[in-house]
């Protein structure tokens, strides 16, 4: 199917809209060195550009007093806590405890008091206290950014909706290994699970 025929096929079926709620938080998914460092098996050419967008959004969120939450991946050596996911994707060993590729980049590190959700699976919600924490601080809307669009960003966006939060995926602040999966997953998220918004729109939500 062509792009236009896909759009036509979805029109009137998957075209609902979500507006931001009362209180938003910025959720930065797995923006770590494994995706930014040339030579890493997870390196992505587009990760640097998305990092710059994340820095701008984070600066704005901090200035506005918006909660900023980071996620990262970390496994016990050998991945016993990674289960089937670790077996399916052996490249996840780059996130074994102590690996420098699991570190946050110097330009985008959590500040004192900012939450870090360490996870073992794709979704930031699975096996973490994220949903309970967001509820406790009154957040109903998430600006979601990070790596990779087709993996942890998508899983987090879908789970956000399933937990009752409004997911806003920031296009320029997400990256993937290839444009095809990046665009296809943004299309699907917009159609069924979330709102895909621009960085400028996200800055408007931040205020």
N, C-alpha and C. Protein backbone atom coordinates (compact mmCIF):
# COMPACT_ATOMS: atom_id res chain seq x y z
N UNK A 1 0.84 -1.20 0.00
CA UNK A 1 0.00 0.00 0.00
C UNK A 1 0.87 1.25 0.00
N UNK A 2 0.44 2.27 -0.71
CA UNK A 2 1.15 3.54 -0.70
C UNK A 2 0.81 4.30 0.57
N UNK A 3 1.62 5.35 0.85
CA UNK A 3 1.34 6.17 2.03
C UNK A 3 -0.06 6.76 1.98
N UNK A 4 -0.46 7.23 0.78
CA UNK A 4 -1.78 7.86 0.66
C UNK A 4 -2.89 6.84 0.86
N UNK A 5 -2.71 5.61 0.36
CA UNK A 5 -3.76 4.61 0.53
C UNK A 5 -3.88 4.16 1.98
N UNK A 6 -2.75 4.13 2.70
CA UNK A 6 -2.80 3.81 4.13
C UNK A 6 -3.57 4.90 4.86
N UNK A 7 -3.25 6.15 4.56
CA UNK A 7 -3.97 7.26 5.20
C UNK A 7 -5.46 7.17 4.91
N UNK A 8 -5.82 6.90 3.66
CA UNK A 8 -7.23 6.80 3.29
C UNK A 8 -7.90 5.65 4.02
N UNK A 9 -7.19 4.53 4.15
CA UNK A 9 -7.75 3.36 4.80
C UNK A 9 -8.04 3.61 6.28
N UNK A 10 -7.18 4.42 6.93
CA UNK A 10 -7.33 4.70 8.35
C UNK A 10 -8.31 5.84 8.62
N UNK A 11 -8.54 6.69 7.62
CA UNK A 11 -9.39 7.87 7.82
C UNK A 11 -10.79 7.46 8.27
N UNK A 12 -11.26 8.12 9.32
CA UNK A 12 -12.58 7.83 9.83
C UNK A 12 -12.65 6.61 10.72
N UNK A 13 -11.53 5.89 10.84
CA UNK A 13 -11.48 4.69 11.67
C UNK A 13 -10.54 4.90 12.85
N UNK A 14 -9.31 5.28 12.53
CA UNK A 14 -8.30 5.54 13.56
C UNK A 14 -7.84 6.99 13.46
N UNK A 15 -8.70 7.91 13.83
CA UNK A 15 -8.29 9.31 13.75
C UNK A 15 -8.79 10.12 14.94
N UNK A 16 -8.94 9.47 16.10
CA UNK A 16 -9.30 10.20 17.31
C UNK A 16 -8.15 11.07 17.78
N UNK A 17 -8.45 12.05 18.61
CA UNK A 17 -7.44 12.98 19.10
C UNK A 17 -7.45 13.01 20.63
N UNK A 18 -6.27 13.20 21.19
CA UNK A 18 -6.10 13.35 22.63
C UNK A 18 -5.52 14.73 22.92
N UNK A 19 -6.07 15.40 23.89
CA UNK A 19 -5.54 16.70 24.33
C UNK A 19 -4.80 16.51 25.64
N UNK A 20 -3.80 17.36 25.91
CA UNK A 20 -3.11 17.27 27.20
C UNK A 20 -4.08 17.44 28.36
N UNK A 21 -3.76 16.78 29.47
CA UNK A 21 -4.60 16.88 30.65
C UNK A 21 -4.20 18.03 31.56
N UNK A 22 -4.32 17.82 32.85
CA UNK A 22 -4.10 18.89 33.83
C UNK A 22 -2.63 19.08 34.19
N UNK A 23 -1.88 17.98 34.26
CA UNK A 23 -0.48 18.07 34.69
C UNK A 23 0.35 17.08 33.90
N UNK A 24 1.42 17.58 33.30
CA UNK A 24 2.28 16.74 32.46
C UNK A 24 3.64 16.54 33.12
N UNK A 25 4.30 15.47 32.71
CA UNK A 25 5.70 15.22 33.06
C UNK A 25 6.43 14.85 31.78
N UNK A 26 7.74 15.10 31.78
CA UNK A 26 8.60 14.71 30.67
C UNK A 26 9.24 13.37 31.01
N UNK A 27 9.01 12.37 30.17
CA UNK A 27 9.56 11.03 30.38
C UNK A 27 10.56 10.73 29.28
N UNK A 28 11.84 10.64 29.65
CA UNK A 28 12.94 10.45 28.70
C UNK A 28 13.36 8.99 28.76
N UNK A 29 13.11 8.27 27.68
CA UNK A 29 13.28 6.82 27.65
C UNK A 29 14.65 6.43 27.09
N UNK A 30 15.51 5.92 27.94
CA UNK A 30 16.75 5.24 27.54
C UNK A 30 17.67 6.09 26.65
N UNK A 31 17.78 7.36 26.93
CA UNK A 31 18.75 8.18 26.21
C UNK A 31 20.10 7.98 26.89
N UNK A 32 20.80 6.94 26.44
CA UNK A 32 22.05 6.51 27.06
C UNK A 32 23.11 6.30 25.98
N UNK A 33 24.34 6.11 26.42
CA UNK A 33 25.49 6.10 25.51
C UNK A 33 25.47 4.95 24.51
N UNK A 34 24.80 3.87 24.80
CA UNK A 34 24.77 2.73 23.87
C UNK A 34 24.26 3.13 22.50
N UNK A 35 23.39 4.13 22.45
CA UNK A 35 22.80 4.57 21.18
C UNK A 35 23.55 5.74 20.55
N UNK A 36 24.44 6.35 21.31
CA UNK A 36 25.12 7.57 20.87
C UNK A 36 26.58 7.34 20.50
N UNK A 37 27.15 6.26 20.96
CA UNK A 37 28.58 6.02 20.83
C UNK A 37 28.88 5.19 19.59
N UNK A 38 29.62 5.78 18.65
CA UNK A 38 30.02 5.02 17.47
C UNK A 38 30.84 3.82 17.91
N UNK A 39 30.58 2.68 17.30
CA UNK A 39 31.22 1.44 17.71
C UNK A 39 30.33 0.58 18.57
N UNK A 40 29.32 1.19 19.18
CA UNK A 40 28.35 0.41 19.94
C UNK A 40 27.44 -0.34 18.97
N UNK A 41 27.08 -1.59 19.28
CA UNK A 41 26.18 -2.31 18.38
C UNK A 41 24.79 -1.69 18.27
N UNK A 42 24.45 -0.81 19.19
CA UNK A 42 23.14 -0.14 19.16
C UNK A 42 23.22 1.29 18.63
N UNK A 43 24.38 1.70 18.15
CA UNK A 43 24.56 3.08 17.67
C UNK A 43 23.54 3.42 16.59
N UNK A 44 22.97 4.62 16.68
CA UNK A 44 22.00 5.12 15.71
C UNK A 44 22.46 6.47 15.18
N UNK A 45 22.47 6.62 13.87
CA UNK A 45 22.92 7.87 13.26
C UNK A 45 22.06 9.06 13.69
N UNK A 46 20.79 8.82 13.95
CA UNK A 46 19.88 9.91 14.27
C UNK A 46 19.79 10.21 15.77
N UNK A 47 20.54 9.46 16.58
CA UNK A 47 20.43 9.62 18.03
C UNK A 47 20.91 10.99 18.49
N UNK A 48 21.94 11.52 17.86
CA UNK A 48 22.50 12.81 18.29
C UNK A 48 21.49 13.93 18.08
N UNK A 49 20.84 13.95 16.94
CA UNK A 49 19.85 15.00 16.68
C UNK A 49 18.70 14.92 17.68
N UNK A 50 18.26 13.69 17.98
CA UNK A 50 17.21 13.53 18.98
C UNK A 50 17.68 13.94 20.37
N UNK A 51 18.96 13.69 20.67
CA UNK A 51 19.51 14.12 21.96
C UNK A 51 19.41 15.63 22.10
N UNK A 52 19.75 16.35 21.04
CA UNK A 52 19.68 17.81 21.11
C UNK A 52 18.25 18.28 21.40
N UNK A 53 17.27 17.62 20.80
CA UNK A 53 15.87 17.95 21.08
C UNK A 53 15.54 17.66 22.54
N UNK A 54 16.02 16.54 23.04
CA UNK A 54 15.79 16.20 24.45
C UNK A 54 16.40 17.21 25.40
N UNK A 55 17.57 17.71 25.06
CA UNK A 55 18.21 18.72 25.91
C UNK A 55 17.35 19.98 25.96
N UNK A 56 16.85 20.42 24.80
CA UNK A 56 16.01 21.62 24.78
C UNK A 56 14.72 21.41 25.59
N UNK A 57 14.11 20.26 25.43
CA UNK A 57 12.88 19.98 26.17
C UNK A 57 13.14 19.90 27.67
N UNK A 58 14.24 19.28 28.03
CA UNK A 58 14.56 19.13 29.46
C UNK A 58 14.85 20.48 30.09
N UNK A 59 15.60 21.31 29.38
CA UNK A 59 15.87 22.66 29.90
C UNK A 59 14.57 23.42 30.14
N UNK A 60 13.65 23.32 29.18
CA UNK A 60 12.37 24.03 29.31
C UNK A 60 11.54 23.45 30.45
N UNK A 61 11.51 22.13 30.56
CA UNK A 61 10.73 21.49 31.62
C UNK A 61 11.26 21.87 33.00
N UNK A 62 12.57 21.86 33.15
CA UNK A 62 13.15 22.23 34.44
C UNK A 62 12.84 23.69 34.78
N UNK A 63 12.94 24.55 33.79
CA UNK A 63 12.66 25.97 34.03
C UNK A 63 11.20 26.18 34.42
N UNK A 64 10.31 25.34 33.90
CA UNK A 64 8.88 25.47 34.19
C UNK A 64 8.45 24.72 35.44
N UNK A 65 9.37 23.98 36.04
CA UNK A 65 9.02 23.20 37.22
C UNK A 65 8.27 21.92 36.92
N UNK A 66 8.33 21.47 35.67
CA UNK A 66 7.67 20.22 35.27
C UNK A 66 8.50 19.03 35.73
N UNK A 67 7.89 17.97 36.24
CA UNK A 67 8.66 16.78 36.59
C UNK A 67 9.38 16.19 35.38
N UNK A 68 10.64 15.82 35.58
CA UNK A 68 11.45 15.18 34.55
C UNK A 68 11.83 13.80 35.07
N UNK A 69 11.51 12.77 34.29
CA UNK A 69 11.76 11.39 34.70
C UNK A 69 12.59 10.71 33.62
N UNK A 70 13.63 10.02 34.03
CA UNK A 70 14.51 9.29 33.12
C UNK A 70 14.29 7.79 33.28
N UNK A 71 14.51 7.04 32.21
CA UNK A 71 14.60 5.59 32.33
C UNK A 71 15.95 5.13 31.79
N UNK A 72 16.39 3.99 32.30
CA UNK A 72 17.56 3.32 31.75
C UNK A 72 17.36 1.82 31.88
N UNK A 73 18.23 1.08 31.22
CA UNK A 73 18.23 -0.38 31.30
C UNK A 73 19.45 -0.84 32.07
N UNK A 74 19.28 -1.85 32.92
CA UNK A 74 20.43 -2.45 33.60
C UNK A 74 20.09 -3.89 33.96
N UNK A 75 21.07 -4.77 33.75
CA UNK A 75 20.90 -6.18 34.03
C UNK A 75 22.01 -6.70 34.93
N UNK A 76 21.68 -7.72 35.70
CA UNK A 76 22.72 -8.49 36.36
C UNK A 76 23.60 -9.12 35.29
N UNK A 77 24.86 -9.31 35.59
CA UNK A 77 25.76 -9.96 34.63
C UNK A 77 25.16 -11.30 34.21
N UNK A 78 25.04 -11.50 32.90
CA UNK A 78 24.44 -12.72 32.38
C UNK A 78 22.96 -12.61 32.11
N UNK A 79 22.31 -11.56 32.61
CA UNK A 79 20.94 -11.26 32.24
C UNK A 79 19.87 -12.13 32.86
N UNK A 80 20.14 -12.71 34.04
CA UNK A 80 19.13 -13.55 34.68
C UNK A 80 17.84 -12.78 34.93
N UNK A 81 17.95 -11.49 35.19
CA UNK A 81 16.77 -10.66 35.45
C UNK A 81 16.14 -10.13 34.17
N UNK A 82 16.71 -10.47 33.02
CA UNK A 82 16.17 -10.02 31.74
C UNK A 82 15.28 -11.04 31.05
N UNK A 83 15.26 -12.25 31.58
CA UNK A 83 14.35 -13.27 31.09
C UNK A 83 14.42 -13.52 29.59
N UNK A 84 13.25 -13.72 28.99
CA UNK A 84 13.16 -14.04 27.57
C UNK A 84 13.63 -12.88 26.70
N UNK A 85 13.39 -11.64 27.15
CA UNK A 85 13.82 -10.47 26.39
C UNK A 85 15.33 -10.49 26.17
N UNK A 86 16.08 -10.79 27.21
CA UNK A 86 17.54 -10.83 27.14
C UNK A 86 18.00 -11.97 26.23
N UNK A 87 17.26 -13.09 26.24
CA UNK A 87 17.61 -14.21 25.36
C UNK A 87 17.29 -13.88 23.90
N UNK A 88 16.17 -13.21 23.69
CA UNK A 88 15.76 -12.85 22.33
C UNK A 88 16.69 -11.82 21.72
N UNK A 89 17.18 -10.89 22.53
CA UNK A 89 18.04 -9.79 22.05
C UNK A 89 19.35 -9.79 22.84
N UNK A 90 20.29 -10.68 22.47
CA UNK A 90 21.55 -10.78 23.23
C UNK A 90 22.34 -9.47 23.27
N UNK A 91 22.05 -8.55 22.35
CA UNK A 91 22.74 -7.25 22.36
C UNK A 91 22.49 -6.50 23.66
N UNK A 92 21.47 -6.89 24.39
CA UNK A 92 21.16 -6.22 25.67
C UNK A 92 22.27 -6.39 26.69
N UNK A 93 23.23 -7.26 26.42
CA UNK A 93 24.36 -7.39 27.35
C UNK A 93 25.15 -6.10 27.46
N UNK A 94 24.99 -5.17 26.51
CA UNK A 94 25.67 -3.88 26.64
C UNK A 94 25.14 -3.10 27.85
N UNK A 95 24.02 -3.55 28.40
CA UNK A 95 23.45 -2.89 29.57
C UNK A 95 23.70 -3.66 30.87
N UNK A 96 24.61 -4.63 30.82
CA UNK A 96 24.97 -5.32 32.06
C UNK A 96 25.52 -4.29 33.06
N UNK A 97 25.26 -4.51 34.33
CA UNK A 97 25.66 -3.57 35.38
C UNK A 97 27.13 -3.19 35.24
N UNK A 98 27.39 -1.89 35.31
CA UNK A 98 28.75 -1.38 35.22
C UNK A 98 29.20 -1.01 33.83
N UNK A 99 28.41 -1.33 32.80
CA UNK A 99 28.80 -1.00 31.44
C UNK A 99 28.71 0.51 31.21
N UNK A 100 29.76 1.13 30.65
CA UNK A 100 29.69 2.57 30.38
C UNK A 100 28.65 2.92 29.32
N UNK A 101 28.24 1.94 28.53
CA UNK A 101 27.23 2.22 27.50
C UNK A 101 25.83 2.35 28.08
N UNK A 102 25.66 2.00 29.32
CA UNK A 102 24.38 2.23 29.99
C UNK A 102 24.28 3.58 30.66
N UNK A 103 25.37 4.38 30.57
CA UNK A 103 25.40 5.67 31.26
C UNK A 103 24.65 6.74 30.48
N UNK A 104 24.14 7.73 31.21
CA UNK A 104 23.52 8.89 30.57
C UNK A 104 24.61 9.78 29.98
N UNK A 105 24.34 10.44 28.84
CA UNK A 105 25.31 11.38 28.28
C UNK A 105 25.47 12.60 29.17
N UNK A 106 26.66 13.17 29.17
CA UNK A 106 26.93 14.31 30.04
C UNK A 106 26.00 15.48 29.83
N UNK A 107 25.50 15.64 28.61
CA UNK A 107 24.60 16.76 28.32
C UNK A 107 23.17 16.53 28.81
N UNK A 108 22.87 15.30 29.23
CA UNK A 108 21.49 14.99 29.63
C UNK A 108 21.51 13.98 30.77
N UNK A 109 21.95 14.46 31.91
CA UNK A 109 22.00 13.61 33.10
C UNK A 109 20.92 14.04 34.09
N UNK A 110 20.37 13.10 34.84
CA UNK A 110 19.40 13.47 35.87
C UNK A 110 20.02 14.40 36.91
N UNK A 111 19.24 15.37 37.32
CA UNK A 111 19.67 16.26 38.39
C UNK A 111 19.16 15.73 39.73
N UNK A 112 19.69 16.28 40.79
CA UNK A 112 19.27 15.87 42.13
C UNK A 112 17.75 16.01 42.27
N UNK A 113 17.12 14.97 42.75
CA UNK A 113 15.68 14.99 42.95
C UNK A 113 14.87 14.48 41.78
N UNK A 114 15.49 14.31 40.60
CA UNK A 114 14.77 13.79 39.45
C UNK A 114 14.75 12.26 39.49
N UNK A 115 13.64 11.70 39.10
CA UNK A 115 13.45 10.26 39.19
C UNK A 115 14.14 9.53 38.05
N UNK A 116 14.73 8.38 38.37
CA UNK A 116 15.28 7.47 37.38
C UNK A 116 14.62 6.11 37.59
N UNK A 117 13.95 5.63 36.56
CA UNK A 117 13.32 4.31 36.60
C UNK A 117 14.21 3.32 35.85
N UNK A 118 14.85 2.44 36.58
CA UNK A 118 15.71 1.42 35.96
C UNK A 118 14.85 0.21 35.64
N UNK A 119 14.90 -0.19 34.38
CA UNK A 119 14.01 -1.25 33.91
C UNK A 119 14.81 -2.38 33.26
N UNK A 120 14.14 -3.50 33.04
CA UNK A 120 14.74 -4.64 32.35
C UNK A 120 14.00 -5.00 31.07
N UNK A 121 12.87 -4.38 30.85
CA UNK A 121 12.06 -4.70 29.68
C UNK A 121 11.75 -3.43 28.89
N UNK A 122 11.02 -3.58 27.80
CA UNK A 122 10.85 -2.46 26.87
C UNK A 122 10.07 -1.30 27.49
N UNK A 123 8.95 -1.60 28.13
CA UNK A 123 8.10 -0.54 28.66
C UNK A 123 8.66 0.02 29.96
N UNK A 124 8.60 1.34 30.09
CA UNK A 124 9.01 1.99 31.34
C UNK A 124 8.07 1.66 32.48
N UNK A 125 6.90 1.11 32.18
CA UNK A 125 5.92 0.77 33.21
C UNK A 125 6.10 -0.65 33.74
N UNK A 126 6.65 -1.54 32.93
CA UNK A 126 6.69 -2.95 33.32
C UNK A 126 7.74 -3.19 34.40
N UNK A 127 7.30 -3.68 35.55
CA UNK A 127 8.22 -4.02 36.62
C UNK A 127 8.82 -2.83 37.34
N UNK A 128 8.23 -1.65 37.18
CA UNK A 128 8.72 -0.44 37.84
C UNK A 128 7.56 0.24 38.57
N UNK A 129 7.86 1.16 39.50
CA UNK A 129 6.79 1.90 40.18
C UNK A 129 6.34 3.16 39.45
N UNK A 130 6.57 3.23 38.13
CA UNK A 130 6.30 4.46 37.40
C UNK A 130 4.84 4.88 37.51
N UNK A 131 3.90 3.97 37.26
CA UNK A 131 2.48 4.35 37.27
C UNK A 131 2.07 4.87 38.64
N UNK A 132 2.48 4.18 39.69
CA UNK A 132 2.12 4.62 41.05
C UNK A 132 2.74 5.97 41.37
N UNK A 133 3.97 6.18 40.91
CA UNK A 133 4.65 7.45 41.17
C UNK A 133 3.95 8.60 40.47
N UNK A 134 3.60 8.40 39.21
CA UNK A 134 2.89 9.45 38.46
C UNK A 134 1.56 9.79 39.12
N UNK A 135 0.84 8.77 39.54
CA UNK A 135 -0.44 9.01 40.21
C UNK A 135 -0.23 9.79 41.50
N UNK A 136 0.80 9.44 42.24
CA UNK A 136 1.06 10.09 43.53
C UNK A 136 1.36 11.57 43.37
N UNK A 137 2.01 11.95 42.26
CA UNK A 137 2.35 13.36 42.07
C UNK A 137 1.33 14.09 41.19
N UNK A 138 0.25 13.42 40.86
CA UNK A 138 -0.85 14.06 40.15
C UNK A 138 -0.67 14.23 38.66
N UNK A 139 0.24 13.49 38.06
CA UNK A 139 0.48 13.59 36.61
C UNK A 139 -0.55 12.75 35.86
N UNK A 140 -1.13 13.34 34.81
CA UNK A 140 -2.05 12.58 33.96
C UNK A 140 -1.62 12.57 32.49
N UNK A 141 -0.54 13.27 32.17
CA UNK A 141 -0.08 13.41 30.79
C UNK A 141 1.43 13.21 30.75
N UNK A 142 1.91 12.49 29.73
CA UNK A 142 3.34 12.26 29.58
C UNK A 142 3.82 12.74 28.23
N UNK A 143 4.84 13.59 28.24
CA UNK A 143 5.62 13.89 27.04
C UNK A 143 6.70 12.83 26.97
N UNK A 144 6.62 11.95 25.98
CA UNK A 144 7.51 10.80 25.89
C UNK A 144 8.52 11.01 24.78
N UNK A 145 9.79 10.80 25.11
CA UNK A 145 10.89 10.96 24.17
C UNK A 145 11.85 9.78 24.31
N UNK A 146 12.81 9.69 23.38
CA UNK A 146 13.90 8.75 23.61
C UNK A 146 14.14 7.74 22.52
N UNK A 147 14.76 6.64 22.94
CA UNK A 147 15.25 5.58 22.05
C UNK A 147 14.68 4.23 22.48
N UNK A 148 14.40 3.33 21.57
CA UNK A 148 14.20 3.64 20.18
C UNK A 148 12.70 3.70 19.90
N UNK A 149 12.35 4.39 18.83
CA UNK A 149 10.95 4.62 18.52
C UNK A 149 10.17 3.31 18.42
N UNK A 150 10.75 2.32 17.74
CA UNK A 150 10.05 1.06 17.48
C UNK A 150 10.10 0.10 18.65
N UNK A 151 10.90 0.42 19.67
CA UNK A 151 11.06 -0.48 20.80
C UNK A 151 10.50 0.10 22.08
N UNK A 152 11.39 0.68 22.88
CA UNK A 152 10.99 1.12 24.22
C UNK A 152 10.08 2.34 24.21
N UNK A 153 10.22 3.22 23.21
CA UNK A 153 9.31 4.37 23.13
C UNK A 153 7.89 3.88 22.81
N UNK A 154 7.78 3.02 21.83
CA UNK A 154 6.46 2.49 21.48
C UNK A 154 5.84 1.74 22.66
N UNK A 155 6.61 0.84 23.27
CA UNK A 155 6.08 0.06 24.38
C UNK A 155 5.63 0.96 25.53
N UNK A 156 6.40 1.99 25.80
CA UNK A 156 6.05 2.92 26.88
C UNK A 156 4.82 3.74 26.53
N UNK A 157 4.71 4.17 25.28
CA UNK A 157 3.53 4.92 24.86
C UNK A 157 2.26 4.09 24.97
N UNK A 158 2.31 2.85 24.52
CA UNK A 158 1.14 1.97 24.61
C UNK A 158 0.78 1.72 26.07
N UNK A 159 1.77 1.41 26.89
CA UNK A 159 1.50 1.14 28.30
C UNK A 159 1.00 2.39 29.04
N UNK A 160 1.49 3.56 28.65
CA UNK A 160 0.99 4.79 29.27
C UNK A 160 -0.52 4.90 29.07
N UNK A 161 -0.96 4.69 27.85
CA UNK A 161 -2.39 4.73 27.56
C UNK A 161 -3.13 3.66 28.35
N UNK A 162 -2.57 2.46 28.44
CA UNK A 162 -3.24 1.36 29.12
C UNK A 162 -3.32 1.58 30.64
N UNK A 163 -2.43 2.42 31.16
CA UNK A 163 -2.47 2.77 32.58
C UNK A 163 -3.28 4.05 32.84
N UNK A 164 -3.88 4.62 31.81
CA UNK A 164 -4.75 5.76 31.99
C UNK A 164 -4.08 7.11 31.87
N UNK A 165 -2.85 7.15 31.36
CA UNK A 165 -2.15 8.42 31.15
C UNK A 165 -2.26 8.82 29.68
N UNK A 166 -2.22 10.12 29.42
CA UNK A 166 -2.30 10.64 28.05
C UNK A 166 -0.89 10.70 27.48
N UNK A 167 -0.56 9.87 26.47
CA UNK A 167 0.79 9.86 25.93
C UNK A 167 0.95 10.82 24.75
N UNK A 168 1.91 11.71 24.87
CA UNK A 168 2.27 12.63 23.79
C UNK A 168 3.70 12.30 23.38
N UNK A 169 3.86 11.74 22.19
CA UNK A 169 5.18 11.32 21.70
C UNK A 169 5.80 12.46 20.91
N UNK A 170 6.99 12.89 21.30
CA UNK A 170 7.62 14.05 20.67
C UNK A 170 8.51 13.57 19.52
N UNK A 171 8.08 13.84 18.29
CA UNK A 171 8.71 13.28 17.10
C UNK A 171 10.22 13.54 17.04
N UNK A 172 10.63 14.79 17.14
CA UNK A 172 12.04 15.13 16.95
C UNK A 172 12.93 14.60 18.07
N UNK A 173 12.33 14.25 19.20
CA UNK A 173 13.09 13.80 20.36
C UNK A 173 13.17 12.28 20.45
N UNK A 174 12.73 11.59 19.40
CA UNK A 174 12.81 10.13 19.33
C UNK A 174 13.71 9.73 18.16
N UNK A 175 14.30 8.55 18.26
CA UNK A 175 15.17 8.08 17.18
C UNK A 175 15.10 6.57 17.08
N UNK A 176 15.45 6.07 15.88
CA UNK A 176 15.48 4.64 15.63
C UNK A 176 16.64 4.34 14.69
N UNK A 177 16.93 3.07 14.51
CA UNK A 177 18.06 2.68 13.66
C UNK A 177 17.80 3.04 12.19
N UNK A 178 16.56 2.97 11.77
CA UNK A 178 16.22 3.24 10.37
C UNK A 178 14.94 4.07 10.30
N UNK A 179 14.84 4.85 9.24
CA UNK A 179 13.69 5.74 9.09
C UNK A 179 12.39 4.98 8.95
N UNK A 180 12.42 3.83 8.25
CA UNK A 180 11.19 3.07 8.02
C UNK A 180 10.49 2.67 9.31
N UNK A 181 11.18 1.94 10.21
CA UNK A 181 10.54 1.60 11.49
C UNK A 181 10.17 2.82 12.32
N UNK A 182 10.99 3.86 12.28
CA UNK A 182 10.70 5.09 13.01
C UNK A 182 9.37 5.67 12.57
N UNK A 183 9.21 5.87 11.28
CA UNK A 183 7.99 6.49 10.77
C UNK A 183 6.78 5.57 10.91
N UNK A 184 6.98 4.27 10.67
CA UNK A 184 5.87 3.33 10.78
C UNK A 184 5.32 3.27 12.20
N UNK A 185 6.20 3.29 13.16
CA UNK A 185 5.75 3.21 14.55
C UNK A 185 5.13 4.52 15.02
N UNK A 186 5.66 5.65 14.57
CA UNK A 186 5.00 6.92 14.89
C UNK A 186 3.60 6.96 14.28
N UNK A 187 3.47 6.46 13.06
CA UNK A 187 2.16 6.42 12.40
C UNK A 187 1.19 5.57 13.22
N UNK A 188 1.64 4.41 13.65
CA UNK A 188 0.77 3.50 14.39
C UNK A 188 0.41 4.05 15.77
N UNK A 189 1.40 4.65 16.44
CA UNK A 189 1.12 5.27 17.73
C UNK A 189 0.07 6.37 17.60
N UNK A 190 0.24 7.22 16.58
CA UNK A 190 -0.73 8.30 16.37
C UNK A 190 -2.12 7.74 16.07
N UNK A 191 -2.17 6.69 15.28
CA UNK A 191 -3.46 6.14 14.88
C UNK A 191 -4.24 5.54 16.04
N UNK A 192 -3.52 4.85 16.95
CA UNK A 192 -4.22 3.99 17.89
C UNK A 192 -3.99 4.28 19.37
N UNK A 193 -2.85 4.87 19.72
CA UNK A 193 -2.47 4.85 21.13
C UNK A 193 -2.09 6.19 21.74
N UNK A 194 -1.71 7.17 20.93
CA UNK A 194 -1.08 8.38 21.47
C UNK A 194 -1.30 9.54 20.52
N UNK A 195 -0.79 10.69 20.92
CA UNK A 195 -0.65 11.82 20.00
C UNK A 195 0.83 12.00 19.71
N UNK A 196 1.17 12.05 18.44
CA UNK A 196 2.54 12.34 18.03
C UNK A 196 2.61 13.83 17.74
N UNK A 197 3.45 14.54 18.48
CA UNK A 197 3.51 15.99 18.38
C UNK A 197 4.92 16.44 18.04
N UNK A 198 5.04 17.68 17.61
CA UNK A 198 6.34 18.25 17.29
C UNK A 198 7.01 18.77 18.56
N UNK A 199 8.30 19.05 18.44
CA UNK A 199 9.01 19.66 19.57
C UNK A 199 8.38 21.01 19.93
N UNK A 200 8.02 21.78 18.92
CA UNK A 200 7.40 23.09 19.19
C UNK A 200 6.10 22.92 19.97
N UNK A 201 5.29 21.93 19.59
CA UNK A 201 4.05 21.67 20.32
C UNK A 201 4.34 21.22 21.75
N UNK A 202 5.37 20.41 21.91
CA UNK A 202 5.75 19.96 23.25
C UNK A 202 6.17 21.13 24.12
N UNK A 203 6.93 22.05 23.55
CA UNK A 203 7.33 23.25 24.30
C UNK A 203 6.11 24.07 24.71
N UNK A 204 5.08 24.06 23.87
CA UNK A 204 3.84 24.74 24.22
C UNK A 204 3.14 24.08 25.39
N UNK A 205 3.19 22.75 25.45
CA UNK A 205 2.60 22.03 26.58
C UNK A 205 3.37 22.35 27.86
N UNK A 206 4.69 22.43 27.74
CA UNK A 206 5.52 22.74 28.91
C UNK A 206 5.21 24.15 29.41
N UNK A 207 5.02 25.09 28.47
CA UNK A 207 4.64 26.46 28.83
C UNK A 207 5.83 27.36 29.11
